[in-house]
Amino acid sequence: MGSVQHLPYSVSNHCPLLVNKESNRSSLRDQRFYFEAWWTLDDSFEGTLTDIWESSSAPLVEKLKIVQIGLKKWARDLKFNKGDKKRRLTKELEILLMDDMDEETLKIHLNIEIDKDEVYWEQRARTNWL
């Protein structure tokens, strides 16, 4: 999908058109804020949200923008470390299984990380709209 822009004219009574066949939608989409359902599964979400909200006494609209920026940064950091955390938990589970120790807590944490991935991809696939 492209765009059509009407250019200014001075000599003719016809307006020249600039047709751009490249889409500008991707840049707009990157700027939009989307709440991610998997965020709520992370232990640090509620505290982070509270800290961001209480850090500003700006008017509501500005405060919401601050929350948006803060959550985007928090989620980016979380995503960056997500693979490492899952690998570490998996390795710890393997060690515990070898030692035949109580691994229920570790299983729960690993399952939460797996659930976060599933919720993330479910939201991307939009399977629930049917």
C-alpha atoms as a PDB file:
ATOM      1  CA  MET A   1       0.000   0.000   0.000  1.00  0.00           C
ATOM      2  CA  GLY A   2       1.377   3.416  -0.924  1.00  0.00           C
ATOM      3  CA  SER A   3       0.407   7.031  -0.646  1.00  0.00           C
ATOM      4  CA  VAL A   4      -0.664   9.868  -2.916  1.00  0.00           C
ATOM      5  CA  GLN A   5       0.328  13.427  -2.149  1.00  0.00           C
ATOM      6  CA  HIS A   6      -1.021  16.560  -3.854  1.00  0.00           C
ATOM      7  CA  LEU A   7       1.847  18.905  -4.681  1.00  0.00           C
ATOM      8  CA  PRO A   8       1.520  22.688  -4.890  1.00  0.00           C
ATOM      9  CA  TYR A   9       1.030  24.227  -8.342  1.00  0.00           C
ATOM     10  CA  SER A  10       1.454  27.730  -9.722  1.00  0.00           C
ATOM     11  CA  VAL A  11       1.253  27.710 -13.515  1.00  0.00           C
ATOM     12  CA  SER A  12      -1.462  25.207 -14.346  1.00  0.00           C
ATOM     13  CA  ASN A  13      -4.901  24.673 -12.879  1.00  0.00           C
ATOM     14  CA  HIS A  14      -4.003  20.985 -12.444  1.00  0.00           C
ATOM     15  CA  CYS A  15      -2.436  19.725  -9.273  1.00  0.00           C
ATOM     16  CA  PRO A  16       0.549  17.397  -9.718  1.00  0.00           C
ATOM     17  CA  LEU A  17       0.450  14.147  -7.805  1.00  0.00           C
ATOM     18  CA  LEU A  18       3.329  12.416  -6.082  1.00  0.00           C
ATOM     19  CA  VAL A  19       2.665   8.689  -5.929  1.00  0.00           C
ATOM     20  CA  ASN A  20       4.761   6.751  -3.448  1.00  0.00           C
ATOM     21  CA  LYS A  21       4.407   2.999  -3.782  1.00  0.00           C
ATOM     22  CA  GLU A  22       6.284   2.264  -0.533  1.00  0.00           C
ATOM     23  CA  SER A  23       4.189   1.917   2.566  1.00  0.00           C
ATOM     24  CA  ASN A  24       4.429   4.343   5.468  1.00  0.00           C
ATOM     25  CA  ARG A  25       2.269   2.124   7.643  1.00  0.00           C
ATOM     26  CA  SER A  26       5.171   0.196   9.136  1.00  0.00           C
ATOM     27  CA  SER A  27       6.696   3.333  10.620  1.00  0.00           C
ATOM     28  CA  LEU A  28       3.332   4.319  12.097  1.00  0.00           C
ATOM     29  CA  ARG A  29       2.847   0.843  13.496  1.00  0.00           C
ATOM     30  CA  ASP A  30       6.244   0.919  15.186  1.00  0.00           C
ATOM     31  CA  GLN A  31       5.250   4.116  16.976  1.00  0.00           C
ATOM     32  CA  ARG A  32       1.963   2.780  18.324  1.00  0.00           C
ATOM     33  CA  PHE A  33       1.752   1.407  21.822  1.00  0.00           C
ATOM     34  CA  TYR A  34       0.353  -2.073  22.268  1.00  0.00           C
ATOM     35  CA  PHE A  35      -0.209  -3.585  25.689  1.00  0.00           C
ATOM     36  CA  GLU A  36       1.164  -7.109  25.780  1.00  0.00           C
ATOM     37  CA  ALA A  37      -0.858  -9.644  27.742  1.00  0.00           C
ATOM     38  CA  TRP A  38       2.263 -11.637  28.694  1.00  0.00           C
ATOM     39  CA  TRP A  39       3.543  -8.674  30.714  1.00  0.00           C
ATOM     40  CA  THR A  40       1.025  -9.447  33.453  1.00  0.00           C
ATOM     41  CA  LEU A  41       2.598 -12.881  33.956  1.00  0.00           C
ATOM     42  CA  ASP A  42       5.922 -11.389  34.993  1.00  0.00           C
ATOM     43  CA  ASP A  43       6.572 -10.935  38.713  1.00  0.00           C
ATOM     44  CA  SER A  44       8.025  -7.463  38.275  1.00  0.00           C
ATOM     45  CA  PHE A  45       5.154  -6.040  36.174  1.00  0.00           C
ATOM     46  CA  GLU A  46       2.949  -4.682  38.955  1.00  0.00           C
ATOM     47  CA  GLY A  47       5.842  -3.085  40.838  1.00  0.00           C
ATOM     48  CA  THR A  48       7.289  -1.599  37.665  1.00  0.00           C
ATOM     49  CA  LEU A  49       3.930  -0.176  36.624  1.00  0.00           C
ATOM     50  CA  THR A  50       3.367   1.303  40.088  1.00  0.00           C
ATOM     51  CA  ASP A  51       6.866   2.831  40.167  1.00  0.00           C
ATOM     52  CA  ILE A  52       6.442   4.400  36.720  1.00  0.00           C
ATOM     53  CA  TRP A  53       2.977   5.737  37.555  1.00  0.00           C
ATOM     54  CA  GLU A  54       4.038   7.233  40.884  1.00  0.00           C
ATOM     55  CA  SER A  55       7.255   8.735  39.483  1.00  0.00           C
ATOM     56  CA  SER A  56       5.397  11.590  37.817  1.00  0.00           C
ATOM     57  CA  SER A  57       2.850  14.153  38.891  1.00  0.00           C
ATOM     58  CA  ALA A  58       2.222  15.341  35.335  1.00  0.00           C
ATOM     59  CA  PRO A  59      -1.288  15.707  33.890  1.00  0.00           C
ATOM     60  CA  LEU A  60      -3.026  12.455  32.947  1.00  0.00           C
ATOM     61  CA  VAL A  61      -2.197  12.416  29.218  1.00  0.00           C
ATOM     62  CA  GLU A  62       1.494  13.121  29.859  1.00  0.00           C
ATOM     63  CA  LYS A  63       1.534  10.586  32.677  1.00  0.00           C
ATOM     64  CA  LEU A  64       0.114   7.925  30.337  1.00  0.00           C
ATOM     65  CA  LYS A  65       2.854   8.711  27.800  1.00  0.00           C
ATOM     66  CA  ILE A  66       5.453   8.307  30.554  1.00  0.00           C
ATOM     67  CA  VAL A  67       3.913   4.942  31.491  1.00  0.00           C
ATOM     68  CA  GLN A  68       3.956   3.922  27.822  1.00  0.00           C
ATOM     69  CA  ILE A  69       7.640   4.793  27.434  1.00  0.00           C
ATOM     70  CA  GLY A  70       8.530   3.122  30.733  1.00  0.00           C
ATOM     71  CA  LEU A  71       6.664  -0.088  29.917  1.00  0.00           C
ATOM     72  CA  LYS A  72       8.228  -0.255  26.448  1.00  0.00           C
ATOM     73  CA  LYS A  73      11.715   0.038  27.979  1.00  0.00           C
ATOM     74  CA  TRP A  74      10.909  -2.484  30.717  1.00  0.00           C
ATOM     75  CA  ALA A  75       9.507  -4.967  28.170  1.00  0.00           C
ATOM     76  CA  ARG A  76      12.488  -4.507  25.835  1.00  0.00           C
ATOM     77  CA  ASP A  77      14.863  -5.315  28.706  1.00  0.00           C
ATOM     78  CA  LEU A  78      12.701  -8.250  29.750  1.00  0.00           C
ATOM     79  CA  LYS A  79      12.583  -9.663  26.213  1.00  0.00           C
ATOM     80  CA  PHE A  80      16.327  -9.266  25.895  1.00  0.00           C
ATOM     81  CA  ASN A  81      16.870 -11.433  28.982  1.00  0.00           C
ATOM     82  CA  LYS A  82      13.956 -13.840  28.407  1.00  0.00           C
ATOM     83  CA  GLY A  83      15.881 -16.457  26.426  1.00  0.00           C
ATOM     84  CA  ASP A  84      18.687 -16.508  28.974  1.00  0.00           C
ATOM     85  CA  LYS A  85      16.231 -16.910  31.836  1.00  0.00           C
ATOM     86  CA  LYS A  86      14.458 -19.810  30.143  1.00  0.00           C
ATOM     87  CA  ARG A  87      17.753 -21.555  29.369  1.00  0.00           C
ATOM     88  CA  ARG A  88      18.966 -21.047  32.955  1.00  0.00           C
ATOM     89  CA  LEU A  89      15.732 -22.429  34.430  1.00  0.00           C
ATOM     90  CA  THR A  90      15.812 -25.405  32.075  1.00  0.00           C
ATOM     91  CA  LYS A  91      19.408 -26.144  33.047  1.00  0.00           C
ATOM     92  CA  GLU A  92      18.564 -25.835  36.756  1.00  0.00           C
ATOM     93  CA  LEU A  93      15.628 -28.201  36.274  1.00  0.00           C
ATOM     94  CA  GLU A  94      17.890 -30.743  34.584  1.00  0.00           C
ATOM     95  CA  ILE A  95      20.336 -30.533  37.493  1.00  0.00           C
ATOM     96  CA  LEU A  96      17.530 -30.947  40.036  1.00  0.00           C
ATOM     97  CA  LEU A  97      16.076 -33.897  38.144  1.00  0.00           C
ATOM     98  CA  MET A  98      19.493 -35.533  38.184  1.00  0.00           C
ATOM     99  CA  ASP A  99      19.827 -34.933  41.899  1.00  0.00           C
ATOM    100  CA  ASP A 100      16.241 -36.135  42.478  1.00  0.00           C
ATOM    101  CA  MET A 101      15.403 -33.059  44.568  1.00  0.00           C
ATOM    102  CA  ASP A 102      12.110 -31.170  44.936  1.00  0.00           C
ATOM    103  CA  GLU A 103      11.846 -29.271  41.650  1.00  0.00           C
ATOM    104  CA  GLU A 104       8.232 -28.031  41.836  1.00  0.00           C
ATOM    105  CA  THR A 105       9.154 -24.361  42.304  1.00  0.00           C
ATOM    106  CA  LEU A 106      11.548 -24.474  39.382  1.00  0.00           C
ATOM    107  CA  LYS A 107       8.938 -26.205  37.220  1.00  0.00           C
ATOM    108  CA  ILE A 108       6.461 -23.453  38.069  1.00  0.00           C
ATOM    109  CA  HIS A 109       8.928 -20.716  37.052  1.00  0.00           C
ATOM    110  CA  LEU A 110       9.792 -22.526  33.829  1.00  0.00           C
ATOM    111  CA  ASN A 111       6.104 -23.031  33.032  1.00  0.00           C
ATOM    112  CA  ILE A 112       5.457 -19.325  33.606  1.00  0.00           C
ATOM    113  CA  GLU A 113       8.204 -18.465  31.112  1.00  0.00           C
ATOM    114  CA  ILE A 114       6.691 -20.903  28.611  1.00  0.00           C
ATOM    115  CA  ASP A 115       3.218 -19.428  29.245  1.00  0.00           C
ATOM    116  CA  LYS A 116       4.574 -15.948  28.538  1.00  0.00           C
ATOM    117  CA  ASP A 117       5.808 -17.148  25.146  1.00  0.00           C
ATOM    118  CA  GLU A 118       2.480 -18.807  24.374  1.00  0.00           C
ATOM    119  CA  VAL A 119       0.476 -15.704  25.310  1.00  0.00           C
ATOM    120  CA  TYR A 120       2.848 -13.545  23.258  1.00  0.00           C
ATOM    121  CA  TRP A 121       2.427 -15.681  20.126  1.00  0.00           C
ATOM    122  CA  GLU A 122      -1.310 -16.185  20.686  1.00  0.00           C
ATOM    123  CA  GLN A 123      -1.754 -12.423  20.744  1.00  0.00           C
ATOM    124  CA  ARG A 124       0.331 -12.126  17.570  1.00  0.00           C
ATOM    125  CA  ALA A 125      -1.642 -14.840  15.775  1.00  0.00           C
ATOM    126  CA  ARG A 126      -4.979 -13.271  16.709  1.00  0.00           C
ATOM    127  CA  THR A 127      -6.516 -16.704  16.961  1.00  0.00           C
ATOM    128  CA  ASN A 128      -9.208 -15.531  19.374  1.00  0.00           C
ATOM    129  CA  TRP A 129     -10.939 -13.154  16.985  1.00  0.00           C
ATOM    130  CA  LEU A 130     -12.941 -15.999  15.464  1.00  0.00           C
END
